[in-house]
PDB file of all heavy atoms in Angstrom:
ATOM      1  N   ILE A   1      -8.559  15.600   7.774  1.00  0.00           N
ATOM      2  CA  ILE A   1      -7.999  15.218   6.417  1.00  0.00           C
ATOM      3  C   ILE A   1      -6.869  14.411   6.654  1.00  0.00           C
ATOM      4  O   ILE A   1      -6.673  13.450   5.842  1.00  0.00           O
ATOM      5  CB  ILE A   1      -7.629  16.575   5.793  1.00  0.00           C
ATOM      6  CG1 ILE A   1      -7.428  16.272   4.282  1.00  0.00           C
ATOM      7  CG2 ILE A   1      -6.387  17.120   6.327  1.00  0.00           C
ATOM      8  CD1 ILE A   1      -8.623  15.952   3.544  1.00  0.00           C
ATOM      9  N   GLY A   2      -6.111  14.422   7.779  1.00  0.00           N
ATOM     10  CA  GLY A   2      -5.027  13.532   8.014  1.00  0.00           C
ATOM     11  C   GLY A   2      -5.387  12.107   8.250  1.00  0.00           C
ATOM     12  O   GLY A   2      -4.938  11.201   7.744  1.00  0.00           O
ATOM     13  N   PHE A   3      -6.457  12.031   9.125  1.00  0.00           N
ATOM     14  CA  PHE A   3      -7.010  10.656   9.300  1.00  0.00           C
ATOM     15  C   PHE A   3      -7.587  10.021   8.064  1.00  0.00           C
ATOM     16  O   PHE A   3      -7.599   8.833   7.786  1.00  0.00           O
ATOM     17  CB  PHE A   3      -7.924  10.690  10.517  1.00  0.00           C
ATOM     18  CG  PHE A   3      -7.315  10.958  11.802  1.00  0.00           C
ATOM     19  CD1 PHE A   3      -8.041  11.635  12.887  1.00  0.00           C
ATOM     20  CD2 PHE A   3      -6.082  10.640  12.158  1.00  0.00           C
ATOM     21  CE1 PHE A   3      -7.534  11.958  14.144  1.00  0.00           C
ATOM     22  CE2 PHE A   3      -5.399  10.935  13.350  1.00  0.00           C
ATOM     23  CZ  PHE A   3      -6.188  11.604  14.400  1.00  0.00           C
ATOM     24  N   GLY A   4      -8.276  10.991   7.363  1.00  0.00           N
ATOM     25  CA  GLY A   4      -8.891  10.461   6.122  1.00  0.00           C
ATOM     26  C   GLY A   4      -7.880   9.988   5.107  1.00  0.00           C
ATOM     27  O   GLY A   4      -8.220   8.922   4.443  1.00  0.00           O
ATOM     28  N   PHE A   5      -6.721  10.660   5.000  1.00  0.00           N
ATOM     29  CA  PHE A   5      -5.746  10.136   4.072  1.00  0.00           C
ATOM     30  C   PHE A   5      -5.042   8.747   4.663  1.00  0.00           C
ATOM     31  O   PHE A   5      -4.693   7.978   3.849  1.00  0.00           O
ATOM     32  CB  PHE A   5      -4.637  11.183   3.905  1.00  0.00           C
ATOM     33  CG  PHE A   5      -4.971  12.294   3.074  1.00  0.00           C
ATOM     34  CD1 PHE A   5      -6.391  12.421   2.667  1.00  0.00           C
ATOM     35  CD2 PHE A   5      -4.029  13.207   2.470  1.00  0.00           C
ATOM     36  CE1 PHE A   5      -6.720  13.510   1.712  1.00  0.00           C
ATOM     37  CE2 PHE A   5      -4.453  14.232   1.634  1.00  0.00           C
ATOM     38  CZ  PHE A   5      -5.756  14.454   1.268  1.00  0.00           C
ATOM     39  N   ALA A   6      -4.871   8.696   5.963  1.00  0.00           N
ATOM     40  CA  ALA A   6      -4.062   7.661   6.642  1.00  0.00           C
ATOM     41  C   ALA A   6      -4.848   6.445   6.970  1.00  0.00           C
ATOM     42  O   ALA A   6      -4.221   5.341   7.198  1.00  0.00           O
ATOM     43  CB  ALA A   6      -3.277   8.146   7.665  1.00  0.00           C
ATOM     44  N   PHE A   7      -6.131   6.553   7.241  1.00  0.00           N
ATOM     45  CA  PHE A   7      -6.933   5.506   7.904  1.00  0.00           C
ATOM     46  C   PHE A   7      -6.838   4.143   7.171  1.00  0.00           C
ATOM     47  O   PHE A   7      -6.508   3.100   7.885  1.00  0.00           O
ATOM     48  CB  PHE A   7      -8.372   5.976   8.063  1.00  0.00           C
ATOM     49  CG  PHE A   7      -9.181   4.997   8.731  1.00  0.00           C
ATOM     50  CD1 PHE A   7      -8.824   4.432   9.927  1.00  0.00           C
ATOM     51  CD2 PHE A   7     -10.530   4.672   8.482  1.00  0.00           C
ATOM     52  CE1 PHE A   7      -9.648   3.604  10.633  1.00  0.00           C
ATOM     53  CE2 PHE A   7     -11.309   3.871   9.241  1.00  0.00           C
ATOM     54  CZ  PHE A   7     -10.817   3.306  10.335  1.00  0.00           C
ATOM     55  N   GLY A   8      -6.879   4.098   5.972  1.00  0.00           N
ATOM     56  CA  GLY A   8      -6.771   2.778   5.204  1.00  0.00           C
ATOM     57  C   GLY A   8      -5.394   2.137   5.324  1.00  0.00           C
ATOM     58  O   GLY A   8      -5.323   0.939   5.634  1.00  0.00           O
ATOM     59  N   GLN A   9      -4.390   2.937   5.215  1.00  0.00           N
ATOM     60  CA  GLN A   9      -3.048   2.330   5.318  1.00  0.00           C
ATOM     61  C   GLN A   9      -2.798   1.915   6.893  1.00  0.00           C
ATOM     62  O   GLN A   9      -2.147   0.801   7.059  1.00  0.00           O
ATOM     63  CB  GLN A   9      -2.021   3.506   5.176  1.00  0.00           C
ATOM     64  CG  GLN A   9      -1.980   3.920   3.734  1.00  0.00           C
ATOM     65  CD  GLN A   9      -0.819   4.870   3.472  1.00  0.00           C
ATOM     66  OE1 GLN A   9       0.331   4.397   3.419  1.00  0.00           O
ATOM     67  NE2 GLN A   9      -1.127   6.216   3.372  1.00  0.00           N
ATOM     68  N   VAL A  10      -3.290   2.637   7.912  1.00  0.00           N
ATOM     69  CA  VAL A  10      -3.091   2.270   9.269  1.00  0.00           C
ATOM     70  C   VAL A  10      -3.749   0.810   9.488  1.00  0.00           C
ATOM     71  O   VAL A  10      -3.206   0.046  10.153  1.00  0.00           O
ATOM     72  CB  VAL A  10      -3.600   3.343  10.232  1.00  0.00           C
ATOM     73  CG1 VAL A  10      -3.475   2.874  11.665  1.00  0.00           C
ATOM     74  CG2 VAL A  10      -2.618   4.559  10.077  1.00  0.00           C
ATOM     75  N   LEU A  11      -4.987   0.743   8.967  1.00  0.00           N
ATOM     76  CA  LEU A  11      -5.718  -0.532   9.159  1.00  0.00           C
ATOM     77  C   LEU A  11      -4.920  -1.674   8.544  1.00  0.00           C
ATOM     78  O   LEU A  11      -4.772  -2.834   9.183  1.00  0.00           O
ATOM     79  CB  LEU A  11      -7.089  -0.433   8.494  1.00  0.00           C
ATOM     80  CG  LEU A  11      -8.218   0.309   9.263  1.00  0.00           C
ATOM     81  CD1 LEU A  11      -9.475   0.389   8.423  1.00  0.00           C
ATOM     82  CD2 LEU A  11      -8.399  -0.392  10.590  1.00  0.00           C
ATOM     83  N   GLN A  12      -4.357  -1.499   7.295  1.00  0.00           N
ATOM     84  CA  GLN A  12      -3.491  -2.596   6.719  1.00  0.00           C
ATOM     85  C   GLN A  12      -2.333  -2.966   7.352  1.00  0.00           C
ATOM     86  O   GLN A  12      -2.082  -4.097   7.407  1.00  0.00           O
ATOM     87  CB  GLN A  12      -3.367  -2.110   5.291  1.00  0.00           C
ATOM     88  CG  GLN A  12      -4.458  -2.440   4.168  1.00  0.00           C
ATOM     89  CD  GLN A  12      -3.932  -2.358   2.787  1.00  0.00           C
ATOM     90  OE1 GLN A  12      -3.392  -1.370   2.326  1.00  0.00           O
ATOM     91  NE2 GLN A  12      -3.988  -3.496   2.101  1.00  0.00           N
ATOM     92  N   ILE A  13      -1.755  -1.971   7.970  1.00  0.00           N
ATOM     93  CA  ILE A  13      -0.332  -2.162   8.767  1.00  0.00           C
ATOM     94  C   ILE A  13      -0.752  -2.826   9.974  1.00  0.00           C
ATOM     95  O   ILE A  13      -0.153  -3.699  10.460  1.00  0.00           O
ATOM     96  CB  ILE A  13       0.391  -0.971   8.644  1.00  0.00           C
ATOM     97  CG1 ILE A  13       0.741  -0.531   7.270  1.00  0.00           C
ATOM     98  CG2 ILE A  13       1.751  -1.238   9.560  1.00  0.00           C
ATOM     99  CD1 ILE A  13       1.343   0.927   7.195  1.00  0.00           C
ATOM    100  N   GLN A  14      -1.576  -2.024  10.813  1.00  0.00           N
ATOM    101  CA  GLN A  14      -1.735  -2.340  12.185  1.00  0.00           C
ATOM    102  C   GLN A  14      -2.574  -3.685  12.275  1.00  0.00           C
ATOM    103  O   GLN A  14      -2.269  -4.400  13.381  1.00  0.00           O
ATOM    104  CB  GLN A  14      -2.309  -1.213  12.975  1.00  0.00           C
ATOM    105  CG  GLN A  14      -2.417  -1.332  14.431  1.00  0.00           C
ATOM    106  CD  GLN A  14      -1.877  -0.175  15.126  1.00  0.00           C
ATOM    107  OE1 GLN A  14      -1.501   0.774  14.568  1.00  0.00           O
ATOM    108  NE2 GLN A  14      -1.370  -0.353  16.419  1.00  0.00           N
ATOM    109  N   PHE A  15      -3.410  -4.025  11.648  1.00  0.00           N
ATOM    110  CA  PHE A  15      -4.235  -5.255  11.743  1.00  0.00           C
ATOM    111  C   PHE A  15      -4.144  -5.993  10.490  1.00  0.00           C
ATOM    112  O   PHE A  15      -5.180  -6.385   9.794  1.00  0.00           O
ATOM    113  CB  PHE A  15      -5.683  -4.815  11.952  1.00  0.00           C
ATOM    114  CG  PHE A  15      -5.840  -4.180  13.376  1.00  0.00           C
ATOM    115  CD1 PHE A  15      -5.979  -2.736  13.444  1.00  0.00           C
ATOM    116  CD2 PHE A  15      -6.099  -4.781  14.545  1.00  0.00           C
ATOM    117  CE1 PHE A  15      -6.045  -2.054  14.673  1.00  0.00           C
ATOM    118  CE2 PHE A  15      -6.278  -4.171  15.742  1.00  0.00           C
ATOM    119  CZ  PHE A  15      -6.237  -2.799  15.893  1.00  0.00           C
ATOM    120  N   ALA A  16      -2.886  -6.405  10.011  1.00  0.00           N
ATOM    121  CA  ALA A  16      -2.736  -6.962   8.834  1.00  0.00           C
ATOM    122  C   ALA A  16      -3.474  -8.360   8.695  1.00  0.00           C
ATOM    123  O   ALA A  16      -3.804  -8.740   7.614  1.00  0.00           O
ATOM    124  CB  ALA A  16      -1.209  -7.108   8.610  1.00  0.00           C
ATOM    125  N   GLU A  17      -3.613  -9.021   9.883  1.00  0.00           N
ATOM    126  CA  GLU A  17      -4.221 -10.378   9.820  1.00  0.00           C
ATOM    127  C   GLU A  17      -5.753 -10.209   9.396  1.00  0.00           C
ATOM    128  O   GLU A  17      -6.262 -11.047   8.825  1.00  0.00           O
ATOM    129  CB  GLU A  17      -4.139 -11.043  11.244  1.00  0.00           C
ATOM    130  CG  GLU A  17      -4.740 -10.403  12.287  1.00  0.00           C
ATOM    131  CD  GLU A  17      -3.871  -9.256  12.978  1.00  0.00           C
ATOM    132  OE1 GLU A  17      -2.841  -8.951  12.393  1.00  0.00           O
ATOM    133  OE2 GLU A  17      -4.176  -8.799  14.018  1.00  0.00           O
ATOM    134  N   GLN A  18      -6.365  -9.097   9.791  1.00  0.00           N
ATOM    135  CA  GLN A  18      -7.798  -8.880   9.431  1.00  0.00           C
ATOM    136  C   GLN A  18      -7.976  -8.134   8.000  1.00  0.00           C
ATOM    137  O   GLN A  18      -8.929  -8.319   7.451  1.00  0.00           O
ATOM    138  CB  GLN A  18      -8.551  -8.026  10.421  1.00  0.00           C
ATOM    139  CG  GLN A  18      -8.830  -8.798  11.676  1.00  0.00           C
ATOM    140  CD  GLN A  18      -7.692  -8.581  12.801  1.00  0.00           C
ATOM    141  OE1 GLN A  18      -6.657  -8.194  12.466  1.00  0.00           O
ATOM    142  NE2 GLN A  18      -8.183  -8.644  14.101  1.00  0.00           N
ATOM    143  N   PHE A  19      -6.908  -7.493   7.577  1.00  0.00           N
ATOM    144  CA  PHE A  19      -6.990  -6.787   6.349  1.00  0.00           C
ATOM    145  C   PHE A  19      -5.847  -7.291   5.437  1.00  0.00           C
ATOM    146  O   PHE A  19      -4.936  -6.506   5.095  1.00  0.00           O
ATOM    147  CB  PHE A  19      -6.993  -5.275   6.502  1.00  0.00           C
ATOM    148  CG  PHE A  19      -8.060  -4.787   7.474  1.00  0.00           C
ATOM    149  CD1 PHE A  19      -7.823  -4.633   8.870  1.00  0.00           C
ATOM    150  CD2 PHE A  19      -9.327  -4.556   7.007  1.00  0.00           C
ATOM    151  CE1 PHE A  19      -8.820  -4.256   9.715  1.00  0.00           C
ATOM    152  CE2 PHE A  19     -10.365  -4.062   7.820  1.00  0.00           C
ATOM    153  CZ  PHE A  19     -10.154  -3.990   9.188  1.00  0.00           C
ATOM    154  N   ALA A  20      -5.922  -8.449   4.970  1.00  0.00           N
ATOM    155  CA  ALA A  20      -4.800  -9.027   4.178  1.00  0.00           C
ATOM    156  C   ALA A  20      -4.823  -8.494   2.708  1.00  0.00           C
ATOM    157  O   ALA A  20      -3.785  -8.411   2.049  1.00  0.00           O
ATOM    158  CB  ALA A  20      -5.019 -10.531   4.161  1.00  0.00           C
ATOM    159  N   THR A  21      -5.921  -7.995   2.295  1.00  0.00           N
ATOM    160  CA  THR A  21      -6.040  -7.444   0.908  1.00  0.00           C
ATOM    161  C   THR A  21      -6.521  -6.012   0.854  1.00  0.00           C
ATOM    162  O   THR A  21      -7.185  -5.571   1.900  1.00  0.00           O
ATOM    163  CB  THR A  21      -7.002  -8.311   0.015  1.00  0.00           C
ATOM    164  OG1 THR A  21      -8.336  -8.188   0.448  1.00  0.00           O
ATOM    165  CG2 THR A  21      -6.518  -9.704   0.014  1.00  0.00           C
ATOM    166  N   PRO A  22      -6.235  -5.127  -0.183  1.00  0.00           N
ATOM    167  CA  PRO A  22      -6.764  -3.861  -0.248  1.00  0.00           C
ATOM    168  C   PRO A  22      -8.338  -3.691  -0.045  1.00  0.00           C
ATOM    169  O   PRO A  22      -8.717  -2.853   0.586  1.00  0.00           O
ATOM    170  CB  PRO A  22      -6.181  -3.311  -1.539  1.00  0.00           C
ATOM    171  CG  PRO A  22      -5.116  -4.209  -1.849  1.00  0.00           C
ATOM    172  CD  PRO A  22      -5.351  -5.535  -1.330  1.00  0.00           C
ATOM    173  N   ILE A  23      -8.943  -4.665  -0.599  1.00  0.00           N
ATOM    174  CA  ILE A  23     -10.497  -4.552  -0.614  1.00  0.00           C
ATOM    175  C   ILE A  23     -10.934  -4.670   0.823  1.00  0.00           C
ATOM    176  O   ILE A  23     -12.010  -4.159   1.157  1.00  0.00           O
ATOM    177  CB  ILE A  23     -11.047  -5.400  -1.668  1.00  0.00           C
ATOM    178  CG1 ILE A  23     -12.565  -5.112  -1.769  1.00  0.00           C
ATOM    179  CG2 ILE A  23     -10.948  -6.915  -1.144  1.00  0.00           C
ATOM    180  CD1 ILE A  23     -13.242  -5.829  -2.960  1.00  0.00           C
ATOM    181  N   ASP A  24     -10.375  -5.435   1.544  1.00  0.00           N
ATOM    182  CA  ASP A  24     -10.628  -5.701   3.058  1.00  0.00           C
ATOM    183  C   ASP A  24     -10.633  -4.337   3.766  1.00  0.00           C
ATOM    184  O   ASP A  24     -11.528  -3.972   4.544  1.00  0.00           O
ATOM    185  CB  ASP A  24      -9.826  -6.623   3.739  1.00  0.00           C
ATOM    186  CG  ASP A  24      -9.920  -7.968   3.209  1.00  0.00           C
ATOM    187  OD1 ASP A  24     -10.980  -8.374   2.721  1.00  0.00           O
ATOM    188  OD2 ASP A  24      -8.976  -8.825   3.137  1.00  0.00           O
ATOM    189  N   ALA A  25      -9.633  -3.571   3.585  1.00  0.00           N
ATOM    190  CA  ALA A  25      -9.430  -2.265   4.236  1.00  0.00           C
ATOM    191  C   ALA A  25     -10.386  -1.260   3.629  1.00  0.00           C
ATOM    192  O   ALA A  25     -11.073  -0.379   4.288  1.00  0.00           O
ATOM    193  CB  ALA A  25      -7.976  -1.843   4.105  1.00  0.00           C
ATOM    194  N   ALA A  26     -10.605  -1.280   2.251  1.00  0.00           N
ATOM    195  CA  ALA A  26     -11.549  -0.348   1.607  1.00  0.00           C
ATOM    196  C   ALA A  26     -12.866  -0.351   2.026  1.00  0.00           C
ATOM    197  O   ALA A  26     -13.577   0.723   2.013  1.00  0.00           O
ATOM    198  CB  ALA A  26     -11.465  -0.479   0.076  1.00  0.00           C
ATOM    199  N   TYR A  27     -13.297  -1.542   2.499  1.00  0.00           N
ATOM    200  CA  TYR A  27     -14.748  -1.587   2.961  1.00  0.00           C
ATOM    201  C   TYR A  27     -15.014  -0.719   4.271  1.00  0.00           C
ATOM    202  O   TYR A  27     -16.111  -0.271   4.432  1.00  0.00           O
ATOM    203  CB  TYR A  27     -15.078  -3.123   3.331  1.00  0.00           C
ATOM    204  CG  TYR A  27     -15.504  -4.011   2.209  1.00  0.00           C
ATOM    205  CD1 TYR A  27     -14.809  -5.147   1.953  1.00  0.00           C
ATOM    206  CD2 TYR A  27     -16.570  -3.670   1.453  1.00  0.00           C
ATOM    207  CE1 TYR A  27     -15.087  -5.887   0.858  1.00  0.00           C
ATOM    208  CE2 TYR A  27     -16.987  -4.435   0.344  1.00  0.00           C
ATOM    209  CZ  TYR A  27     -16.231  -5.628   0.122  1.00  0.00           C
ATOM    210  OH  TYR A  27     -16.616  -6.311  -1.032  1.00  0.00           O
ATOM    211  N   LEU A  28     -13.857  -0.319   4.896  1.00  0.00           N
ATOM    212  CA  LEU A  28     -14.137   0.337   6.159  1.00  0.00           C
ATOM    213  C   LEU A  28     -13.505   1.840   5.980  1.00  0.00           C
ATOM    214  O   LEU A  28     -13.877   2.717   6.788  1.00  0.00           O
ATOM    215  CB  LEU A  28     -13.318  -0.240   7.372  1.00  0.00           C
ATOM    216  CG  LEU A  28     -14.075  -1.601   7.964  1.00  0.00           C
ATOM    217  CD1 LEU A  28     -13.071  -2.231   8.991  1.00  0.00           C
ATOM    218  CD2 LEU A  28     -15.402  -1.257   8.462  1.00  0.00           C
ATOM    219  N   THR A  29     -12.560   1.902   5.094  1.00  0.00           N
ATOM    220  CA  THR A  29     -11.922   3.204   4.947  1.00  0.00           C
ATOM    221  C   THR A  29     -12.839   4.354   4.789  1.00  0.00           C
ATOM    222  O   THR A  29     -12.549   5.429   5.448  1.00  0.00           O
ATOM    223  CB  THR A  29     -10.861   3.207   3.810  1.00  0.00           C
ATOM    224  OG1 THR A  29      -9.961   2.068   4.020  1.00  0.00           O
ATOM    225  CG2 THR A  29     -10.134   4.561   3.675  1.00  0.00           C
ATOM    226  N   PHE A  30     -13.791   4.295   4.070  1.00  0.00           N
ATOM    227  CA  PHE A  30     -14.703   5.407   3.720  1.00  0.00           C
ATOM    228  C   PHE A  30     -15.620   5.897   4.854  1.00  0.00           C
ATOM    229  O   PHE A  30     -16.072   7.031   4.926  1.00  0.00           O
ATOM    230  CB  PHE A  30     -15.450   5.158   2.513  1.00  0.00           C
ATOM    231  CG  PHE A  30     -16.657   4.204   2.722  1.00  0.00           C
ATOM    232  CD1 PHE A  30     -17.909   4.621   3.046  1.00  0.00           C
ATOM    233  CD2 PHE A  30     -16.525   2.757   2.723  1.00  0.00           C
ATOM    234  CE1 PHE A  30     -19.085   3.816   3.407  1.00  0.00           C
ATOM    235  CE2 PHE A  30     -17.586   1.982   3.030  1.00  0.00           C
ATOM    236  CZ  PHE A  30     -18.697   2.378   3.263  1.00  0.00           C
ATOM    237  N   LEU A  31     -15.877   4.942   5.813  1.00  0.00           N
ATOM    238  CA  LEU A  31     -16.820   5.195   6.869  1.00  0.00           C
ATOM    239  C   LEU A  31     -16.499   6.465   7.752  1.00  0.00           C
ATOM    240  O   LEU A  31     -17.326   7.249   7.980  1.00  0.00           O
ATOM    241  CB  LEU A  31     -16.961   3.960   7.778  1.00  0.00           C
ATOM    242  CG  LEU A  31     -17.759   2.798   7.178  1.00  0.00           C
ATOM    243  CD1 LEU A  31     -17.837   1.679   8.164  1.00  0.00           C
ATOM    244  CD2 LEU A  31     -19.279   3.248   6.809  1.00  0.00           C
ATOM    245  N   GLY A  32     -15.243   6.540   8.247  1.00  0.00           N
ATOM    246  CA  GLY A  32     -14.848   7.701   9.018  1.00  0.00           C
ATOM    247  C   GLY A  32     -14.995   8.947   8.381  1.00  0.00           C
ATOM    248  O   GLY A  32     -15.670   9.848   8.888  1.00  0.00           O
ATOM    249  N   PRO A  33     -14.345   9.254   7.108  1.00  0.00           N
ATOM    250  CA  PRO A  33     -14.564  10.492   6.524  1.00  0.00           C
ATOM    251  C   PRO A  33     -16.029  10.837   6.134  1.00  0.00           C
ATOM    252  O   PRO A  33     -16.394  11.949   6.127  1.00  0.00           O
ATOM    253  CB  PRO A  33     -13.716  10.272   5.236  1.00  0.00           C
ATOM    254  CG  PRO A  33     -12.717   9.305   5.496  1.00  0.00           C
ATOM    255  CD  PRO A  33     -13.342   8.275   6.485  1.00  0.00           C
ATOM    256  N   LEU A  34     -16.800   9.838   5.859  1.00  0.00           N
ATOM    257  CA  LEU A  34     -18.212   9.986   5.499  1.00  0.00           C
ATOM    258  C   LEU A  34     -18.994  10.655   6.741  1.00  0.00           C
ATOM    259  O   LEU A  34     -19.604  11.553   6.709  1.00  0.00           O
ATOM    260  CB  LEU A  34     -18.965   8.742   5.120  1.00  0.00           C
ATOM    261  CG  LEU A  34     -20.342   8.815   4.687  1.00  0.00           C
ATOM    262  CD1 LEU A  34     -20.675   9.739   3.535  1.00  0.00           C
ATOM    263  CD2 LEU A  34     -20.940   7.470   4.393  1.00  0.00           C
ATOM    264  N   ILE A  35     -18.714   9.955   7.885  1.00  0.00           N
ATOM    265  CA  ILE A  35     -19.330  10.497   9.105  1.00  0.00           C
ATOM    266  C   ILE A  35     -18.858  11.804   9.475  1.00  0.00           C
ATOM    267  O   ILE A  35     -19.719  12.673   9.865  1.00  0.00           O
ATOM    268  CB  ILE A  35     -19.157   9.382  10.263  1.00  0.00           C
ATOM    269  CG1 ILE A  35     -19.733   8.095  10.026  1.00  0.00           C
ATOM    270  CG2 ILE A  35     -19.539  10.027  11.606  1.00  0.00           C
ATOM    271  CD1 ILE A  35     -19.439   6.988  10.911  1.00  0.00           C
ATOM    272  N   GLY A  36     -17.603  12.026   9.438  1.00  0.00           N
ATOM    273  CA  GLY A  36     -17.095  13.430   9.710  1.00  0.00           C
ATOM    274  C   GLY A  36     -17.557  14.506   8.838  1.00  0.00           C
ATOM    275  O   GLY A  36     -17.781  15.608   9.259  1.00  0.00           O
ATOM    276  N   SER A  37     -17.732  14.086   7.489  1.00  0.00           N
ATOM    277  CA  SER A  37     -18.390  15.131   6.561  1.00  0.00           C
ATOM    278  C   SER A  37     -19.810  15.447   6.937  1.00  0.00           C
ATOM    279  O   SER A  37     -20.228  16.540   6.890  1.00  0.00           O
ATOM    280  CB  SER A  37     -18.176  14.565   5.143  1.00  0.00           C
ATOM    281  OG  SER A  37     -16.781  14.310   4.864  1.00  0.00           O
ATOM    282  N   LEU A  38     -20.608  14.354   7.037  1.00  0.00           N
ATOM    283  CA  LEU A  38     -22.049  14.578   7.350  1.00  0.00           C
ATOM    284  C   LEU A  38     -22.310  15.325   8.566  1.00  0.00           C
ATOM    285  O   LEU A  38     -23.283  16.113   8.646  1.00  0.00           O
ATOM    286  CB  LEU A  38     -22.735  13.230   7.396  1.00  0.00           C
ATOM    287  CG  LEU A  38     -22.681  12.442   6.046  1.00  0.00           C
ATOM    288  CD1 LEU A  38     -23.448  11.019   6.213  1.00  0.00           C
ATOM    289  CD2 LEU A  38     -23.479  13.302   4.897  1.00  0.00           C
ATOM    290  N   ILE A  39     -21.431  15.345   9.727  1.00  0.00           N
ATOM    291  CA  ILE A  39     -21.576  15.842  10.987  1.00  0.00           C
ATOM    292  C   ILE A  39     -21.133  17.319  10.996  1.00  0.00           C
ATOM    293  O   ILE A  39     -21.512  18.028  11.797  1.00  0.00           O
ATOM    294  CB  ILE A  39     -20.940  15.045  11.964  1.00  0.00           C
ATOM    295  CG1 ILE A  39     -21.647  15.262  13.305  1.00  0.00           C
ATOM    296  CG2 ILE A  39     -19.474  15.331  12.112  1.00  0.00           C
ATOM    297  CD1 ILE A  39     -22.925  14.504  13.417  1.00  0.00           C
ATOM    298  N   ARG A  40     -20.471  17.739  10.032  1.00  0.00           N
ATOM    299  CA  ARG A  40     -19.911  19.169  10.012  1.00  0.00           C
ATOM    300  C   ARG A  40     -20.845  20.176  10.018  1.00  0.00           C
ATOM    301  O   ARG A  40     -20.792  21.001  10.958  1.00  0.00           O
ATOM    302  CB  ARG A  40     -18.959  19.262   8.774  1.00  0.00           C
ATOM    303  CG  ARG A  40     -18.260  20.727   8.822  1.00  0.00           C
ATOM    304  CD  ARG A  40     -17.118  20.912   7.967  1.00  0.00           C
ATOM    305  NE  ARG A  40     -16.599  22.268   8.095  1.00  0.00           N
ATOM    306  CZ  ARG A  40     -15.405  22.565   7.768  1.00  0.00           C
ATOM    307  NH1 ARG A  40     -14.438  21.621   7.351  1.00  0.00           N
ATOM    308  NH2 ARG A  40     -14.922  23.814   7.892  1.00  0.00           N
TER     309      ARG A  40
END
């Protein structure tokens, strides 16, 4: 739950050059929580 909440923000801050806009990060943000949910 912590990574699910923080992942999008971390991407935007840590790799700002690749994720200049919110939609750039949003394309990847959902993947981690989705995989973690399906595997439970």
